[in-house]
Amino acid sequence: MPDGVGDAFTLPTTEQGPDAAPIHNRQVVALERANWEAWPCLERPKAELLRPLPTGSFTVEFPT
């Protein structure tokens, strides 16, 4: 890595899935491990990679 260049990351979002719908209209895309290498080069269609996970994949907890 060249001097002065740090690590980078991206945080893709998509429409909300059923777990996020009650609290927001977007959600972070959680790529399944099998898709990690396909994402940077979009080796597969975006619609196949950038989608909400199935119901029950996320748990939402509110502080009391």
N, C-alpha and C. Protein backbone atom coordinates (compact mmCIF):
# COMPACT_ATOMS: atom_id res chain seq x y z
N MET A 1 0.85 -1.16 0.00
CA MET A 1 0.00 0.00 0.00
C MET A 1 0.91 1.24 0.00
N PRO A 2 0.62 2.23 -0.85
CA PRO A 2 1.46 3.44 -0.90
C PRO A 2 1.42 4.22 0.41
N ASP A 3 2.50 4.94 0.68
CA ASP A 3 2.53 5.77 1.88
C ASP A 3 1.38 6.77 1.85
N GLY A 4 0.79 6.99 3.01
CA GLY A 4 -0.29 7.96 3.13
C GLY A 4 -1.66 7.44 2.73
N VAL A 5 -1.72 6.21 2.27
CA VAL A 5 -3.00 5.64 1.90
C VAL A 5 -3.40 4.65 2.99
N GLY A 6 -4.56 4.89 3.57
CA GLY A 6 -5.01 4.02 4.65
C GLY A 6 -5.96 2.96 4.17
N ASP A 7 -6.41 2.15 5.09
CA ASP A 7 -7.41 1.15 4.77
C ASP A 7 -8.72 1.86 4.43
N ALA A 8 -9.54 1.23 3.67
CA ALA A 8 -10.83 1.79 3.30
C ALA A 8 -11.90 0.72 3.44
N PHE A 9 -13.12 1.16 3.53
CA PHE A 9 -14.23 0.22 3.58
C PHE A 9 -15.45 0.90 2.99
N THR A 10 -16.44 0.11 2.68
CA THR A 10 -17.70 0.63 2.18
C THR A 10 -18.82 0.04 3.03
N LEU A 11 -19.89 0.75 3.13
CA LEU A 11 -21.03 0.31 3.91
C LEU A 11 -22.27 0.41 3.01
N PRO A 12 -22.47 -0.57 2.13
CA PRO A 12 -23.61 -0.49 1.21
C PRO A 12 -24.93 -0.63 1.97
N THR A 13 -25.95 0.03 1.46
CA THR A 13 -27.29 -0.07 2.03
C THR A 13 -28.27 -0.50 0.95
N THR A 14 -29.42 -0.94 1.38
CA THR A 14 -30.48 -1.36 0.48
C THR A 14 -31.82 -1.05 1.12
N GLU A 15 -32.92 -1.37 0.42
CA GLU A 15 -34.23 -1.16 1.04
C GLU A 15 -34.31 -2.00 2.30
N GLN A 16 -35.17 -1.60 3.20
CA GLN A 16 -35.25 -2.31 4.48
C GLN A 16 -35.85 -3.69 4.27
N GLY A 17 -35.35 -4.62 5.06
CA GLY A 17 -35.94 -5.95 5.11
C GLY A 17 -36.97 -5.97 6.22
N PRO A 18 -37.60 -7.09 6.44
CA PRO A 18 -38.65 -7.17 7.46
C PRO A 18 -38.18 -6.86 8.87
N ASP A 19 -36.91 -7.14 9.20
CA ASP A 19 -36.41 -6.86 10.54
C ASP A 19 -36.21 -5.36 10.77
N ALA A 20 -35.79 -4.63 9.73
CA ALA A 20 -35.50 -3.20 9.87
C ALA A 20 -36.72 -2.32 9.59
N ALA A 21 -37.71 -2.84 8.89
CA ALA A 21 -38.85 -2.04 8.46
C ALA A 21 -39.55 -1.25 9.58
N PRO A 22 -39.70 -1.82 10.77
CA PRO A 22 -40.39 -1.05 11.82
C PRO A 22 -39.61 0.18 12.30
N ILE A 23 -38.29 0.25 12.01
CA ILE A 23 -37.52 1.35 12.56
C ILE A 23 -36.83 2.23 11.52
N HIS A 24 -36.74 1.79 10.25
CA HIS A 24 -36.03 2.61 9.25
C HIS A 24 -36.40 2.16 7.85
N ASN A 25 -36.20 3.06 6.86
CA ASN A 25 -36.55 2.72 5.48
C ASN A 25 -35.35 2.18 4.68
N ARG A 26 -34.19 2.05 5.30
CA ARG A 26 -33.00 1.48 4.67
C ARG A 26 -32.34 0.55 5.69
N GLN A 27 -31.45 -0.31 5.20
CA GLN A 27 -30.67 -1.13 6.12
C GLN A 27 -29.31 -1.41 5.49
N VAL A 28 -28.35 -1.69 6.33
CA VAL A 28 -27.02 -2.06 5.89
C VAL A 28 -27.08 -3.43 5.23
N VAL A 29 -26.35 -3.59 4.14
CA VAL A 29 -26.26 -4.89 3.48
C VAL A 29 -25.25 -5.74 4.24
N ALA A 30 -25.65 -6.88 4.67
CA ALA A 30 -24.74 -7.83 5.31
C ALA A 30 -24.46 -8.92 4.29
N LEU A 31 -23.32 -8.81 3.63
CA LEU A 31 -22.98 -9.79 2.60
C LEU A 31 -22.71 -11.15 3.23
N GLU A 32 -23.29 -12.15 2.65
CA GLU A 32 -23.01 -13.51 3.10
C GLU A 32 -21.56 -13.82 2.72
N ARG A 33 -20.88 -14.61 3.52
CA ARG A 33 -19.45 -14.90 3.31
C ARG A 33 -19.18 -15.36 1.87
N ALA A 34 -20.06 -16.12 1.29
CA ALA A 34 -19.86 -16.62 -0.07
C ALA A 34 -19.79 -15.48 -1.09
N ASN A 35 -20.32 -14.31 -0.74
CA ASN A 35 -20.35 -13.17 -1.66
C ASN A 35 -19.26 -12.15 -1.40
N TRP A 36 -18.40 -12.35 -0.43
CA TRP A 36 -17.38 -11.36 -0.08
C TRP A 36 -16.48 -11.02 -1.26
N GLU A 37 -16.02 -12.01 -1.99
CA GLU A 37 -15.12 -11.75 -3.09
C GLU A 37 -15.85 -11.24 -4.33
N ALA A 38 -17.12 -11.51 -4.47
CA ALA A 38 -17.89 -11.07 -5.64
C ALA A 38 -18.23 -9.58 -5.56
N TRP A 39 -18.33 -9.02 -4.37
CA TRP A 39 -18.78 -7.65 -4.20
C TRP A 39 -17.86 -6.60 -4.82
N PRO A 40 -16.58 -6.54 -4.53
CA PRO A 40 -15.76 -5.44 -5.04
C PRO A 40 -15.76 -5.30 -6.56
N CYS A 41 -15.82 -6.40 -7.27
CA CYS A 41 -15.76 -6.36 -8.74
C CYS A 41 -17.14 -6.55 -9.37
N LEU A 42 -18.17 -6.65 -8.56
CA LEU A 42 -19.53 -6.93 -9.04
C LEU A 42 -19.53 -8.06 -10.06
N GLU A 43 -18.98 -9.19 -9.62
CA GLU A 43 -18.92 -10.36 -10.48
C GLU A 43 -20.30 -10.97 -10.71
N ARG A 44 -21.26 -10.57 -9.91
CA ARG A 44 -22.65 -11.01 -10.08
C ARG A 44 -23.52 -9.76 -10.07
N PRO A 45 -24.76 -9.85 -10.53
CA PRO A 45 -25.64 -8.67 -10.56
C PRO A 45 -25.79 -8.05 -9.17
N LYS A 46 -25.82 -6.71 -9.14
CA LYS A 46 -25.97 -6.00 -7.85
C LYS A 46 -27.22 -6.46 -7.11
N ALA A 47 -28.30 -6.66 -7.83
CA ALA A 47 -29.55 -7.07 -7.17
C ALA A 47 -29.40 -8.40 -6.44
N GLU A 48 -28.50 -9.24 -6.89
CA GLU A 48 -28.26 -10.52 -6.23
C GLU A 48 -27.42 -10.36 -4.97
N LEU A 49 -26.54 -9.36 -4.96
CA LEU A 49 -25.63 -9.15 -3.82
C LEU A 49 -26.20 -8.18 -2.79
N LEU A 50 -26.84 -7.11 -3.26
CA LEU A 50 -27.29 -6.03 -2.36
C LEU A 50 -28.78 -6.21 -2.06
N ARG A 51 -29.06 -7.13 -1.19
CA ARG A 51 -30.45 -7.41 -0.82
C ARG A 51 -30.54 -7.62 0.68
N PRO A 52 -31.73 -7.36 1.23
CA PRO A 52 -31.91 -7.62 2.66
C PRO A 52 -31.78 -9.10 2.97
N LEU A 53 -31.35 -9.40 4.17
CA LEU A 53 -31.29 -10.80 4.61
C LEU A 53 -32.69 -11.27 5.01
N PRO A 54 -32.90 -12.57 5.10
CA PRO A 54 -34.21 -13.11 5.46
C PRO A 54 -34.66 -12.66 6.86
N THR A 55 -35.95 -12.72 7.07
CA THR A 55 -36.54 -12.40 8.37
C THR A 55 -35.84 -13.19 9.47
N GLY A 56 -35.54 -12.51 10.57
CA GLY A 56 -34.91 -13.15 11.71
C GLY A 56 -33.40 -13.08 11.70
N SER A 57 -32.81 -12.45 10.66
CA SER A 57 -31.36 -12.35 10.58
C SER A 57 -30.80 -11.30 11.53
N PHE A 58 -31.58 -10.27 11.82
CA PHE A 58 -31.16 -9.21 12.73
C PHE A 58 -32.08 -9.16 13.93
N THR A 59 -31.52 -8.77 15.05
CA THR A 59 -32.30 -8.55 16.26
C THR A 59 -32.18 -7.07 16.62
N VAL A 60 -33.30 -6.44 16.85
CA VAL A 60 -33.30 -5.03 17.21
C VAL A 60 -33.62 -4.94 18.70
N GLU A 61 -32.74 -4.25 19.43
CA GLU A 61 -32.97 -4.06 20.85
C GLU A 61 -32.94 -2.58 21.17
N PHE A 62 -33.89 -2.12 21.94
CA PHE A 62 -33.96 -0.72 22.35
C PHE A 62 -33.51 -0.62 23.81
N PRO A 63 -32.69 0.38 24.13
CA PRO A 63 -32.27 0.55 25.52
C PRO A 63 -33.48 0.85 26.40
N THR A 64 -33.40 0.40 27.63
CA THR A 64 -34.50 0.64 28.56
C THR A 64 -34.18 1.78 29.49
